[in-house]
Amino acid sequence: MKHLTVKLSTPNGLFFTASASSIDLRTKDGCFHVHSGHQSFLNMVHATEITCLTTDGIYVFDLSNAVAGLKGRTFTVLAERIRRIEPDGVPNSPP
């Protein structure tokens, strides 16, 4: 599977970017998995959490007032606020 480029941004600018082999997005209505084979989309449902599996490890972020979209192999999240949280049960996650 080809990797996706993940870009997380706030009104202050780019917060995080990485190449991810796996993306899980949690919304108020449920969760879904994003992969490079998906068609482009814009999700207007408020995203609340994103988990990215990268070559450097697992990154989990809490999102406030966020929307997400996939165009080609770039997955973009625009959020009012983004906060990194520790993934559950993952020792030695990257800083």
PDB file of N, CA and C in Angstrom:
ATOM      1  N   MET A   1       0.842  -1.173   0.000  1.00  0.00           N
ATOM      2  CA  MET A   1       0.000   0.000   0.000  1.00  0.00           C
ATOM      3  C   MET A   1       0.891   1.240   0.000  1.00  0.00           C
ATOM      4  N   LYS A   2       0.505   2.230  -0.774  1.00  0.00           N
ATOM      5  CA  LYS A   2       1.225   3.490  -0.808  1.00  0.00           C
ATOM      6  C   LYS A   2       0.842   4.323   0.402  1.00  0.00           C
ATOM      7  N   HIS A   3       1.796   5.084   0.880  1.00  0.00           N
ATOM      8  CA  HIS A   3       1.558   5.927   2.043  1.00  0.00           C
ATOM      9  C   HIS A   3       0.777   7.178   1.669  1.00  0.00           C
ATOM     10  N   LEU A   4       0.109   7.722   2.676  1.00  0.00           N
ATOM     11  CA  LEU A   4      -0.594   8.992   2.546  1.00  0.00           C
ATOM     12  C   LEU A   4       0.215  10.080   3.244  1.00  0.00           C
ATOM     13  N   THR A   5       0.172  11.276   2.707  1.00  0.00           N
ATOM     14  CA  THR A   5       0.746  12.418   3.396  1.00  0.00           C
ATOM     15  C   THR A   5      -0.336  12.991   4.296  1.00  0.00           C
ATOM     16  N   VAL A   6      -0.022  13.160   5.575  1.00  0.00           N
ATOM     17  CA  VAL A   6      -0.961  13.711   6.547  1.00  0.00           C
ATOM     18  C   VAL A   6      -0.505  15.122   6.885  1.00  0.00           C
ATOM     19  N   LYS A   7      -1.452  16.069   6.828  1.00  0.00           N
ATOM     20  CA  LYS A   7      -1.166  17.452   7.195  1.00  0.00           C
ATOM     21  C   LYS A   7      -2.232  17.918   8.172  1.00  0.00           C
ATOM     22  N   LEU A   8      -1.800  18.313   9.383  1.00  0.00           N
ATOM     23  CA  LEU A   8      -2.702  18.837  10.393  1.00  0.00           C
ATOM     24  C   LEU A   8      -2.392  20.320  10.561  1.00  0.00           C
ATOM     25  N   SER A   9      -3.421  21.161  10.428  1.00  0.00           N
ATOM     26  CA  SER A   9      -3.219  22.608  10.515  1.00  0.00           C
ATOM     27  C   SER A   9      -4.248  23.258  11.430  1.00  0.00           C
ATOM     28  N   THR A  10      -3.832  24.385  12.019  1.00  0.00           N
ATOM     29  CA  THR A  10      -4.704  25.241  12.814  1.00  0.00           C
ATOM     30  C   THR A  10      -4.670  26.629  12.178  1.00  0.00           C
ATOM     31  N   PRO A  11      -5.446  27.577  12.682  1.00  0.00           N
ATOM     32  CA  PRO A  11      -5.352  28.939  12.151  1.00  0.00           C
ATOM     33  C   PRO A  11      -3.945  29.538  12.273  1.00  0.00           C
ATOM     34  N   ASN A  12      -3.128  28.989  13.171  1.00  0.00           N
ATOM     35  CA  ASN A  12      -1.757  29.468  13.340  1.00  0.00           C
ATOM     36  C   ASN A  12      -0.775  28.873  12.335  1.00  0.00           C
ATOM     37  N   GLY A  13      -1.221  27.897  11.542  1.00  0.00           N
ATOM     38  CA  GLY A  13      -0.342  27.291  10.541  1.00  0.00           C
ATOM     39  C   GLY A  13      -0.244  25.782  10.684  1.00  0.00           C
ATOM     40  N   LEU A  14       0.721  25.216   9.966  1.00  0.00           N
ATOM     41  CA  LEU A  14       0.930  23.769   9.950  1.00  0.00           C
ATOM     42  C   LEU A  14       1.383  23.298  11.324  1.00  0.00           C
ATOM     43  N   PHE A  15       0.693  22.296  11.864  1.00  0.00           N
ATOM     44  CA  PHE A  15       0.979  21.764  13.193  1.00  0.00           C
ATOM     45  C   PHE A  15       1.801  20.481  13.117  1.00  0.00           C
ATOM     46  N   PHE A  16       1.481  19.623  12.125  1.00  0.00           N
ATOM     47  CA  PHE A  16       2.127  18.315  12.002  1.00  0.00           C
ATOM     48  C   PHE A  16       1.996  17.840  10.571  1.00  0.00           C
ATOM     49  N   THR A  17       3.045  17.218  10.065  1.00  0.00           N
ATOM     50  CA  THR A  17       2.971  16.560   8.765  1.00  0.00           C
ATOM     51  C   THR A  17       3.849  15.312   8.805  1.00  0.00           C
ATOM     52  N   ALA A  18       3.401  14.259   8.124  1.00  0.00           N
ATOM     53  CA  ALA A  18       4.141  13.001   8.095  1.00  0.00           C
ATOM     54  C   ALA A  18       3.600  12.135   6.969  1.00  0.00           C
ATOM     55  N   SER A  19       4.342  11.112   6.653  1.00  0.00           N
ATOM     56  CA  SER A  19       3.895  10.082   5.731  1.00  0.00           C
ATOM     57  C   SER A  19       3.351   8.942   6.578  1.00  0.00           C
ATOM     58  N   ALA A  20       2.102   8.554   6.331  1.00  0.00           N
ATOM     59  CA  ALA A  20       1.454   7.541   7.171  1.00  0.00           C
ATOM     60  C   ALA A  20       0.992   6.352   6.338  1.00  0.00           C
ATOM     61  N   SER A  21       1.160   5.168   6.913  1.00  0.00           N
ATOM     62  CA  SER A  21       0.662   3.953   6.260  1.00  0.00           C
ATOM     63  C   SER A  21      -0.758   3.650   6.692  1.00  0.00           C
ATOM     64  N   SER A  22      -1.188   4.280   7.805  1.00  0.00           N
ATOM     65  CA  SER A  22      -2.519   4.028   8.339  1.00  0.00           C
ATOM     66  C   SER A  22      -3.027   5.279   9.032  1.00  0.00           C
ATOM     67  N   ILE A  23      -4.310   5.608   8.804  1.00  0.00           N
ATOM     68  CA  ILE A  23      -4.945   6.747   9.456  1.00  0.00           C
ATOM     69  C   ILE A  23      -6.315   6.301   9.945  1.00  0.00           C
ATOM     70  N   ASP A  24      -6.577   6.544  11.214  1.00  0.00           N
ATOM     71  CA  ASP A  24      -7.901   6.307  11.774  1.00  0.00           C
ATOM     72  C   ASP A  24      -8.426   7.634  12.283  1.00  0.00           C
ATOM     73  N   LEU A  25      -9.635   7.974  11.862  1.00  0.00           N
ATOM     74  CA  LEU A  25     -10.239   9.242  12.237  1.00  0.00           C
ATOM     75  C   LEU A  25     -11.497   8.980  13.051  1.00  0.00           C
ATOM     76  N   ARG A  26     -11.561   9.583  14.230  1.00  0.00           N
ATOM     77  CA  ARG A  26     -12.742   9.463  15.088  1.00  0.00           C
ATOM     78  C   ARG A  26     -13.566  10.731  14.921  1.00  0.00           C
ATOM     79  N   THR A  27     -14.865  10.559  14.767  1.00  0.00           N
ATOM     80  CA  THR A  27     -15.787  11.684  14.668  1.00  0.00           C
ATOM     81  C   THR A  27     -16.851  11.535  15.751  1.00  0.00           C
ATOM     82  N   LYS A  28     -17.712  12.512  15.863  1.00  0.00           N
ATOM     83  CA  LYS A  28     -18.806  12.419  16.834  1.00  0.00           C
ATOM     84  C   LYS A  28     -19.777  11.305  16.468  1.00  0.00           C
ATOM     85  N   ASP A  29     -19.777  10.888  15.196  1.00  0.00           N
ATOM     86  CA  ASP A  29     -20.703   9.855  14.728  1.00  0.00           C
ATOM     87  C   ASP A  29     -20.084   8.470  14.615  1.00  0.00           C
ATOM     88  N   GLY A  30     -18.782   8.336  14.878  1.00  0.00           N
ATOM     89  CA  GLY A  30     -18.128   7.043  14.772  1.00  0.00           C
ATOM     90  C   GLY A  30     -16.706   7.178  14.267  1.00  0.00           C
ATOM     91  N   CYS A  31     -16.118   6.048  13.870  1.00  0.00           N
ATOM     92  CA  CYS A  31     -14.729   6.021  13.416  1.00  0.00           C
ATOM     93  C   CYS A  31     -14.658   5.478  11.993  1.00  0.00           C
ATOM     94  N   PHE A  32     -13.613   5.891  11.272  1.00  0.00           N
ATOM     95  CA  PHE A  32     -13.354   5.258   9.991  1.00  0.00           C
ATOM     96  C   PHE A  32     -11.863   5.253   9.700  1.00  0.00           C
ATOM     97  N   HIS A  33     -11.486   4.283   8.880  1.00  0.00           N
ATOM     98  CA  HIS A  33     -10.098   4.075   8.491  1.00  0.00           C
ATOM     99  C   HIS A  33      -9.897   4.671   7.106  1.00  0.00           C
ATOM    100  N   VAL A  34      -8.800   5.386   6.919  1.00  0.00           N
ATOM    101  CA  VAL A  34      -8.504   6.017   5.630  1.00  0.00           C
ATOM    102  C   VAL A  34      -7.276   5.347   5.045  1.00  0.00           C
ATOM    103  N   HIS A  35      -7.351   5.004   3.761  1.00  0.00           N
ATOM    104  CA  HIS A  35      -6.184   4.437   3.081  1.00  0.00           C
ATOM    105  C   HIS A  35      -6.040   5.068   1.704  1.00  0.00           C
ATOM    106  N   SER A  36      -4.898   4.814   1.060  1.00  0.00           N
ATOM    107  CA  SER A  36      -4.571   5.488  -0.196  1.00  0.00           C
ATOM    108  C   SER A  36      -5.499   5.114  -1.343  1.00  0.00           C
ATOM    109  N   GLY A  37      -6.269   4.053  -1.214  1.00  0.00           N
ATOM    110  CA  GLY A  37      -7.182   3.652  -2.270  1.00  0.00           C
ATOM    111  C   GLY A  37      -8.516   4.386  -2.257  1.00  0.00           C
ATOM    112  N   HIS A  38      -8.786   5.152  -1.203  1.00  0.00           N
ATOM    113  CA  HIS A  38     -10.039   5.896  -1.117  1.00  0.00           C
ATOM    114  C   HIS A  38     -10.106   7.002  -2.159  1.00  0.00           C
ATOM    115  N   GLN A  39     -11.321   7.310  -2.568  1.00  0.00           N
ATOM    116  CA  GLN A  39     -11.553   8.443  -3.455  1.00  0.00           C
ATOM    117  C   GLN A  39     -11.471   9.727  -2.642  1.00  0.00           C
ATOM    118  N   SER A  40     -11.218  10.831  -3.298  1.00  0.00           N
ATOM    119  CA  SER A  40     -11.161  12.119  -2.617  1.00  0.00           C
ATOM    120  C   SER A  40     -12.502  12.420  -1.954  1.00  0.00           C
ATOM    121  N   PHE A  41     -12.455  13.067  -0.789  1.00  0.00           N
ATOM    122  CA  PHE A  41     -13.680  13.424  -0.085  1.00  0.00           C
ATOM    123  C   PHE A  41     -13.402  14.580   0.855  1.00  0.00           C
ATOM    124  N   LEU A  42     -14.455  15.222   1.290  1.00  0.00           N
ATOM    125  CA  LEU A  42     -14.395  16.230   2.340  1.00  0.00           C
ATOM    126  C   LEU A  42     -15.396  15.816   3.398  1.00  0.00           C
ATOM    127  N   ASN A  43     -14.954  15.685   4.627  1.00  0.00           N
ATOM    128  CA  ASN A  43     -15.811  15.257   5.721  1.00  0.00           C
ATOM    129  C   ASN A  43     -16.171  16.486   6.544  1.00  0.00           C
ATOM    130  N   MET A  44     -17.420  16.914   6.449  1.00  0.00           N
ATOM    131  CA  MET A  44     -17.854  18.087   7.194  1.00  0.00           C
ATOM    132  C   MET A  44     -18.292  17.740   8.620  1.00  0.00           C
ATOM    133  N   VAL A  45     -18.309  16.437   8.957  1.00  0.00           N
ATOM    134  CA  VAL A  45     -18.626  16.014  10.313  1.00  0.00           C
ATOM    135  C   VAL A  45     -17.416  16.354  11.184  1.00  0.00           C
ATOM    136  N   HIS A  46     -17.664  16.821  12.367  1.00  0.00           N
ATOM    137  CA  HIS A  46     -16.564  17.231  13.243  1.00  0.00           C
ATOM    138  C   HIS A  46     -15.702  16.040  13.651  1.00  0.00           C
ATOM    139  N   ALA A  47     -14.445  16.085  13.245  1.00  0.00           N
ATOM    140  CA  ALA A  47     -13.472  15.079  13.658  1.00  0.00           C
ATOM    141  C   ALA A  47     -13.015  15.412  15.070  1.00  0.00           C
ATOM    142  N   THR A  48     -12.840  14.397  15.908  1.00  0.00           N
ATOM    143  CA  THR A  48     -12.447  14.633  17.294  1.00  0.00           C
ATOM    144  C   THR A  48     -11.077  14.058  17.644  1.00  0.00           C
ATOM    145  N   GLU A  49     -10.608  13.079  16.858  1.00  0.00           N
ATOM    146  CA  GLU A  49      -9.314  12.459  17.145  1.00  0.00           C
ATOM    147  C   GLU A  49      -8.780  11.801  15.889  1.00  0.00           C
ATOM    148  N   ILE A  50      -7.463  11.854  15.709  1.00  0.00           N
ATOM    149  CA  ILE A  50      -6.826  11.187  14.580  1.00  0.00           C
ATOM    150  C   ILE A  50      -5.637  10.388  15.090  1.00  0.00           C
ATOM    151  N   THR A  51      -5.481   9.181  14.558  1.00  0.00           N
ATOM    152  CA  THR A  51      -4.346   8.320  14.871  1.00  0.00           C
ATOM    153  C   THR A  51      -3.625   8.020  13.564  1.00  0.00           C
ATOM    154  N   CYS A  52      -2.312   8.277  13.536  1.00  0.00           N
ATOM    155  CA  CYS A  52      -1.503   8.069  12.342  1.00  0.00           C
ATOM    156  C   CYS A  52      -0.387   7.085  12.652  1.00  0.00           C
ATOM    157  N   LEU A  53      -0.267   6.058  11.832  1.00  0.00           N
ATOM    158  CA  LEU A  53       0.844   5.114  11.946  1.00  0.00           C
ATOM    159  C   LEU A  53       1.890   5.525  10.923  1.00  0.00           C
ATOM    160  N   THR A  54       3.047   5.978  11.408  1.00  0.00           N
ATOM    161  CA  THR A  54       4.126   6.430  10.546  1.00  0.00           C
ATOM    162  C   THR A  54       5.336   5.530  10.738  1.00  0.00           C
ATOM    163  N   THR A  55       6.369   5.737   9.946  1.00  0.00           N
ATOM    164  CA  THR A  55       7.592   4.963  10.117  1.00  0.00           C
ATOM    165  C   THR A  55       8.278   5.311  11.434  1.00  0.00           C
ATOM    166  N   ASP A  56       7.959   6.475  12.014  1.00  0.00           N
ATOM    167  CA  ASP A  56       8.528   6.894  13.300  1.00  0.00           C
ATOM    168  C   ASP A  56       7.702   6.421  14.482  1.00  0.00           C
ATOM    169  N   GLY A  57       6.536   5.847  14.250  1.00  0.00           N
ATOM    170  CA  GLY A  57       5.687   5.369  15.333  1.00  0.00           C
ATOM    171  C   GLY A  57       4.258   5.829  15.186  1.00  0.00           C
ATOM    172  N   ILE A  58       3.515   5.726  16.274  1.00  0.00           N
ATOM    173  CA  ILE A  58       2.098   6.079  16.292  1.00  0.00           C
ATOM    174  C   ILE A  58       1.942   7.476  16.890  1.00  0.00           C
ATOM    175  N   TYR A  59       1.189   8.307  16.205  1.00  0.00           N
ATOM    176  CA  TYR A  59       0.874   9.643  16.676  1.00  0.00           C
ATOM    177  C   TYR A  59      -0.634   9.757  16.837  1.00  0.00           C
ATOM    178  N   VAL A  60      -1.077  10.280  17.985  1.00  0.00           N
ATOM    179  CA  VAL A  60      -2.502  10.475  18.245  1.00  0.00           C
ATOM    180  C   VAL A  60      -2.711  11.942  18.617  1.00  0.00           C
ATOM    181  N   PHE A  61      -3.732  12.553  18.012  1.00  0.00           N
ATOM    182  CA  PHE A  61      -4.021  13.958  18.260  1.00  0.00           C
ATOM    183  C   PHE A  61      -5.494  14.140  18.595  1.00  0.00           C
ATOM    184  N   ASP A  62      -5.754  14.987  19.584  1.00  0.00           N
ATOM    185  CA  ASP A  62      -7.099  15.413  19.945  1.00  0.00           C
ATOM    186  C   ASP A  62      -7.403  16.649  19.095  1.00  0.00           C
ATOM    187  N   LEU A  63      -8.581  16.683  18.473  1.00  0.00           N
ATOM    188  CA  LEU A  63      -8.956  17.762  17.555  1.00  0.00           C
ATOM    189  C   LEU A  63     -10.187  18.502  18.060  1.00  0.00           C
ATOM    190  N   SER A  64     -10.175  19.831  17.942  1.00  0.00           N
ATOM    191  CA  SER A  64     -11.335  20.638  18.295  1.00  0.00           C
ATOM    192  C   SER A  64     -11.832  21.375  17.059  1.00  0.00           C
ATOM    193  N   ASN A  65     -13.148  21.266  16.802  1.00  0.00           N
ATOM    194  CA  ASN A  65     -13.780  21.928  15.651  1.00  0.00           C
ATOM    195  C   ASN A  65     -13.011  21.656  14.361  1.00  0.00           C
ATOM    196  N   ALA A  66     -12.875  20.389  14.015  1.00  0.00           N
ATOM    197  CA  ALA A  66     -12.052  19.979  12.877  1.00  0.00           C
ATOM    198  C   ALA A  66     -12.880  19.419  11.732  1.00  0.00           C
ATOM    199  N   VAL A  67     -12.394  19.662  10.528  1.00  0.00           N
ATOM    200  CA  VAL A  67     -12.911  19.018   9.332  1.00  0.00           C
ATOM    201  C   VAL A  67     -11.729  18.327   8.662  1.00  0.00           C
ATOM    202  N   ALA A  68     -12.007  17.289   7.886  1.00  0.00           N
ATOM    203  CA  ALA A  68     -10.947  16.518   7.249  1.00  0.00           C
ATOM    204  C   ALA A  68     -11.285  16.274   5.789  1.00  0.00           C
ATOM    205  N   GLY A  69     -10.252  16.162   4.980  1.00  0.00           N
ATOM    206  CA  GLY A  69     -10.464  15.886   3.570  1.00  0.00           C
ATOM    207  C   GLY A  69      -9.321  15.088   2.994  1.00  0.00           C
ATOM    208  N   LEU A  70      -9.618  14.298   1.983  1.00  0.00           N
ATOM    209  CA  LEU A  70      -8.623  13.511   1.267  1.00  0.00           C
ATOM    210  C   LEU A  70      -8.664  13.926  -0.188  1.00  0.00           C
ATOM    211  N   LYS A  71      -7.524  14.343  -0.725  1.00  0.00           N
ATOM    212  CA  LYS A  71      -7.415  14.664  -2.140  1.00  0.00           C
ATOM    213  C   LYS A  71      -6.176  13.964  -2.658  1.00  0.00           C
ATOM    214  N   GLY A  72      -6.382  13.018  -3.569  1.00  0.00           N
ATOM    215  CA  GLY A  72      -5.266  12.198  -4.032  1.00  0.00           C
ATOM    216  C   GLY A  72      -4.739  11.382  -2.873  1.00  0.00           C
ATOM    217  N   ARG A  73      -3.451  11.538  -2.559  1.00  0.00           N
ATOM    218  CA  ARG A  73      -2.868  10.825  -1.424  1.00  0.00           C
ATOM    219  C   ARG A  73      -2.477  11.783  -0.295  1.00  0.00           C
ATOM    220  N   THR A  74      -3.155  12.941  -0.229  1.00  0.00           N
ATOM    221  CA  THR A  74      -2.908  13.885   0.854  1.00  0.00           C
ATOM    222  C   THR A  74      -4.163  14.005   1.713  1.00  0.00           C
ATOM    223  N   PHE A  75      -4.015  13.696   2.992  1.00  0.00           N
ATOM    224  CA  PHE A  75      -5.111  13.778   3.947  1.00  0.00           C
ATOM    225  C   PHE A  75      -4.876  15.015   4.802  1.00  0.00           C
ATOM    226  N   THR A  76      -5.802  15.965   4.756  1.00  0.00           N
ATOM    227  CA  THR A  76      -5.644  17.247   5.439  1.00  0.00           C
ATOM    228  C   THR A  76      -6.709  17.409   6.507  1.00  0.00           C
ATOM    229  N   VAL A  77      -6.281  17.874   7.675  1.00  0.00           N
ATOM    230  CA  VAL A  77      -7.194  18.199   8.769  1.00  0.00           C
ATOM    231  C   VAL A  77      -7.011  19.669   9.106  1.00  0.00           C
ATOM    232  N   LEU A  78      -8.116  20.390   9.152  1.00  0.00           N
ATOM    233  CA  LEU A  78      -8.115  21.782   9.589  1.00  0.00           C
ATOM    234  C   LEU A  78      -8.882  21.830  10.901  1.00  0.00           C
ATOM    235  N   ALA A  79      -8.226  22.310  11.945  1.00  0.00           N
ATOM    236  CA  ALA A  79      -8.838  22.304  13.279  1.00  0.00           C
ATOM    237  C   ALA A  79      -8.594  23.624  13.989  1.00  0.00           C
ATOM    238  N   GLU A  80      -9.541  23.973  14.838  1.00  0.00           N
ATOM    239  CA  GLU A  80      -9.368  25.162  15.662  1.00  0.00           C
ATOM    240  C   GLU A  80      -8.216  24.961  16.646  1.00  0.00           C
ATOM    241  N   ARG A  81      -8.130  23.726  17.198  1.00  0.00           N
ATOM    242  CA  ARG A  81      -7.074  23.403  18.153  1.00  0.00           C
ATOM    243  C   ARG A  81      -6.664  21.954  17.963  1.00  0.00           C
ATOM    244  N   ILE A  82      -5.371  21.685  18.059  1.00  0.00           N
ATOM    245  CA  ILE A  82      -4.835  20.321  17.972  1.00  0.00           C
ATOM    246  C   ILE A  82      -3.920  20.112  19.170  1.00  0.00           C
ATOM    247  N   ARG A  83      -4.078  18.946  19.818  1.00  0.00           N
ATOM    248  CA  ARG A  83      -3.250  18.621  20.968  1.00  0.00           C
ATOM    249  C   ARG A  83      -2.782  17.181  20.832  1.00  0.00           C
ATOM    250  N   ARG A  84      -1.491  16.950  20.946  1.00  0.00           N
ATOM    251  CA  ARG A  84      -0.952  15.596  20.877  1.00  0.00           C
ATOM    252  C   ARG A  84      -1.242  14.873  22.177  1.00  0.00           C
ATOM    253  N   ILE A  85      -1.697  13.622  22.073  1.00  0.00           N
ATOM    254  CA  ILE A  85      -1.936  12.802  23.253  1.00  0.00           C
ATOM    255  C   ILE A  85      -1.178  11.493  23.101  1.00  0.00           C
ATOM    256  N   GLU A  86      -0.904  10.850  24.218  1.00  0.00           N
ATOM    257  CA  GLU A  86      -0.196   9.576  24.183  1.00  0.00           C
ATOM    258  C   GLU A  86      -1.131   8.472  23.724  1.00  0.00           C
ATOM    259  N   PRO A  87      -0.683   7.662  22.769  1.00  0.00           N
ATOM    260  CA  PRO A  87      -1.517   6.531  22.345  1.00  0.00           C
ATOM    261  C   PRO A  87      -1.628   5.503  23.463  1.00  0.00           C
ATOM    262  N   ASP A  88      -2.816   4.960  23.647  1.00  0.00           N
ATOM    263  CA  ASP A  88      -3.053   3.965  24.694  1.00  0.00           C
ATOM    264  C   ASP A  88      -2.265   2.696  24.417  1.00  0.00           C
ATOM    265  N   GLY A  89      -1.527   2.256  25.422  1.00  0.00           N
ATOM    266  CA  GLY A  89      -0.837   0.971  25.330  1.00  0.00           C
ATOM    267  C   GLY A  89       0.345   0.940  24.388  1.00  0.00           C
ATOM    268  N   VAL A  90       0.889   2.098  24.015  1.00  0.00           N
ATOM    269  CA  VAL A  90       2.030   2.107  23.105  1.00  0.00           C
ATOM    270  C   VAL A  90       3.238   2.658  23.854  1.00  0.00           C
ATOM    271  N   PRO A  91       4.131   1.783  24.321  1.00  0.00           N
ATOM    272  CA  PRO A  91       5.316   2.270  25.016  1.00  0.00           C
ATOM    273  C   PRO A  91       6.294   2.897  24.034  1.00  0.00           C
ATOM    274  N   ASN A  92       7.060   3.830  24.510  1.00  0.00           N
ATOM    275  CA  ASN A  92       8.125   4.449  23.729  1.00  0.00           C
ATOM    276  C   ASN A  92       7.625   5.124  22.460  1.00  0.00           C
ATOM    277  N   SER A  93       6.472   5.772  22.526  1.00  0.00           N
ATOM    278  CA  SER A  93       5.998   6.508  21.354  1.00  0.00           C
ATOM    279  C   SER A  93       6.894   7.728  21.167  1.00  0.00           C
ATOM    280  N   PRO A  94       7.028   8.210  19.919  1.00  0.00           N
ATOM    281  CA  PRO A  94       7.928   9.322  19.656  1.00  0.00           C
ATOM    282  C   PRO A  94       7.443  10.599  20.321  1.00  0.00           C
ATOM    283  N   PRO A  95       8.358  11.548  20.578  1.00  0.00           N
ATOM    284  CA  PRO A  95       7.962  12.812  21.224  1.00  0.00           C
ATOM    285  C   PRO A  95       7.066  13.670  20.368  1.00  0.00           C
TER     286      PRO A  95
END
